[in-house]
């Protein structure tokens, strides 16, 4: 899940804005979770399309 859609229970603002210390702490924790944690779903889909296209190109050249 990306943090751009989360709402803070402390200040009722989007976590991505980081208005209070709870927001900032949550944002930092979610950014450190992994390589693809900060990417939005559209970016992940684009990466998958590029990967599939690269694999198809490699398979075509191998034949």
C-alpha atoms as a PDB file:
ATOM      1  CA  UNK A   1       0.000   0.000   0.000  1.00  0.00           C
ATOM      2  CA  UNK A   2       1.238   3.473  -0.759  1.00  0.00           C
ATOM      3  CA  UNK A   3       1.111   6.200   1.838  1.00  0.00           C
ATOM      4  CA  UNK A   4      -0.337   8.843  -0.511  1.00  0.00           C
ATOM      5  CA  UNK A   5      -3.897   7.662   0.225  1.00  0.00           C
ATOM      6  CA  UNK A   6      -3.598   7.175   3.983  1.00  0.00           C
ATOM      7  CA  UNK A   7      -5.216   9.624   6.403  1.00  0.00           C
ATOM      8  CA  UNK A   8      -3.629  10.283   9.790  1.00  0.00           C
ATOM      9  CA  UNK A   9      -5.803   9.505  12.815  1.00  0.00           C
ATOM     10  CA  UNK A  10      -3.985  12.170  14.815  1.00  0.00           C
ATOM     11  CA  UNK A  11      -4.517  15.252  12.607  1.00  0.00           C
ATOM     12  CA  UNK A  12      -6.974  13.960   9.929  1.00  0.00           C
ATOM     13  CA  UNK A  13      -4.633  15.102   7.122  1.00  0.00           C
ATOM     14  CA  UNK A  14      -3.065  12.936   4.404  1.00  0.00           C
ATOM     15  CA  UNK A  15       0.021  11.140   5.712  1.00  0.00           C
ATOM     16  CA  UNK A  16       1.937  12.163   2.586  1.00  0.00           C
ATOM     17  CA  UNK A  17       1.784  15.821   3.694  1.00  0.00           C
ATOM     18  CA  UNK A  18       3.458  15.055   7.032  1.00  0.00           C
ATOM     19  CA  UNK A  19       1.704  17.763   9.047  1.00  0.00           C
ATOM     20  CA  UNK A  20       2.229  16.262  12.496  1.00  0.00           C
ATOM     21  CA  UNK A  21       4.947  14.105  14.070  1.00  0.00           C
ATOM     22  CA  UNK A  22       2.768  10.975  13.771  1.00  0.00           C
ATOM     23  CA  UNK A  23       2.375  11.578  10.011  1.00  0.00           C
ATOM     24  CA  UNK A  24       6.089  12.129   9.555  1.00  0.00           C
ATOM     25  CA  UNK A  25       6.948   8.984  11.523  1.00  0.00           C
ATOM     26  CA  UNK A  26       4.483   6.878   9.516  1.00  0.00           C
ATOM     27  CA  UNK A  27       5.748   8.293   6.245  1.00  0.00           C
ATOM     28  CA  UNK A  28       9.363   7.526   7.160  1.00  0.00           C
ATOM     29  CA  UNK A  29       8.487   3.990   8.272  1.00  0.00           C
ATOM     30  CA  UNK A  30       6.594   3.251   5.046  1.00  0.00           C
ATOM     31  CA  UNK A  31       9.389   4.639   2.848  1.00  0.00           C
ATOM     32  CA  UNK A  32      11.941   2.381   4.553  1.00  0.00           C
ATOM     33  CA  UNK A  33       9.892  -0.794   4.110  1.00  0.00           C
ATOM     34  CA  UNK A  34      11.332  -1.790   0.771  1.00  0.00           C
ATOM     35  CA  UNK A  35      12.517  -0.987  -2.701  1.00  0.00           C
ATOM     36  CA  UNK A  36       9.045  -0.640  -4.226  1.00  0.00           C
ATOM     37  CA  UNK A  37       7.237   0.775  -1.175  1.00  0.00           C
ATOM     38  CA  UNK A  38       7.224   4.348  -2.421  1.00  0.00           C
ATOM     39  CA  UNK A  39       5.909   3.541  -5.900  1.00  0.00           C
ATOM     40  CA  UNK A  40       2.295   4.057  -6.800  1.00  0.00           C
ATOM     41  CA  UNK A  41       0.314   1.268  -8.495  1.00  0.00           C
ATOM     42  CA  UNK A  42       0.520   2.872 -11.965  1.00  0.00           C
ATOM     43  CA  UNK A  43       4.304   2.917 -11.757  1.00  0.00           C
ATOM     44  CA  UNK A  44       4.398  -0.735 -10.705  1.00  0.00           C
ATOM     45  CA  UNK A  45       2.191  -1.669 -13.677  1.00  0.00           C
ATOM     46  CA  UNK A  46       4.485   0.269 -16.032  1.00  0.00           C
ATOM     47  CA  UNK A  47       7.514  -1.565 -14.645  1.00  0.00           C
ATOM     48  CA  UNK A  48       5.773  -4.903 -15.132  1.00  0.00           C
ATOM     49  CA  UNK A  49       4.906  -4.033 -18.764  1.00  0.00           C
ATOM     50  CA  UNK A  50       8.532  -3.085 -19.430  1.00  0.00           C
ATOM     51  CA  UNK A  51       9.733  -6.336 -17.848  1.00  0.00           C
ATOM     52  CA  UNK A  52       7.330  -8.466 -19.898  1.00  0.00           C
ATOM     53  CA  UNK A  53       8.347  -6.633 -23.090  1.00  0.00           C
ATOM     54  CA  UNK A  54      12.027  -7.227 -22.324  1.00  0.00           C
ATOM     55  CA  UNK A  55      11.408 -10.915 -21.682  1.00  0.00           C
ATOM     56  CA  UNK A  56       9.421 -11.221 -24.920  1.00  0.00           C
ATOM     57  CA  UNK A  57      12.269  -9.565 -26.834  1.00  0.00           C
ATOM     58  CA  UNK A  58      14.800 -11.952 -25.300  1.00  0.00           C
ATOM     59  CA  UNK A  59      12.620 -14.955 -26.094  1.00  0.00           C
ATOM     60  CA  UNK A  60      12.221 -13.783 -29.689  1.00  0.00           C
ATOM     61  CA  UNK A  61      15.970 -13.370 -30.146  1.00  0.00           C
ATOM     62  CA  UNK A  62      16.688 -16.786 -28.665  1.00  0.00           C
ATOM     63  CA  UNK A  63      14.615 -18.581 -31.319  1.00  0.00           C
END
